[in-house]
């Protein structure tokens, strides 16, 4: 039996962007640590201001799951249900591993036809992305101070890219184009360049900026356990247009969602 102070954190992330640019971002998370079991889930959707308006719940719901070739998630407390019909194969990578634990990343749906059904509004359809990441080492023990993450899907779902960039004592970057790792990618806020491929993001629209302390304030017993550096963590997210160019091939337009995280 694992000790009660063992760290185990699982986070599902699911998003979608309609042809008109309406966006949703959903999370399902579970933390087991120091005898404190926490489950939390939320969804944010863009409104007339273009910013994400979020609702969240601590009620118990099952995580997303595959059924008959579709990834589905039911969140009754949030009044939504999500369906993802994949257009690309899943993949997984180990992002970090040492004697204390690991970070396992599974990109469940790099590109998918996504549907959001809501009890309080119309159904939304577009292209979406889904991933699950599992930590057995606390994030504040990772060798990073800044994180850049993003995903891009072509307008016809024929191509997809996802990237992660860690900056800190042991900088490292990953970029996966159509399921294939790109060697030594150079990642900035508005571009990913590697191996004759170049993704340039433009017209970035801010969706949300928040501090972790504000996010977890409503979760009983969690804030006192967190280091000050992680409580000061700030996340900023954008929706953008992305253009993929590759040597000898026509450019491919699409939409991107990207994130910048800095630890306090």
Foldseek 3Di string as FASTA:
>chain_A
DDDQQFWKKKKKWKKFAFPVGKIKIKMWMWIGHNNDTFTKIKMWIADPVRATDMDMDRDDADDWDDDPQWTKGDDVVQQKIKIWRAPAQKDKDWPDDDPQWTKIKIFHHLWTFMWMDGPVDHIGTGIMTMMMMMTRDDPVPDFAFKKKWKKWAFRVRPKIKIKIWGDGPDTDIWMAIRNHTFPPWDDDPAWIDGDQKIKGWDPKDWHDKDFQLVVCVPPPPDVVVDDPQNRRKMKTKTKTKMWMDGPPDDITITIMIMMMIGTD
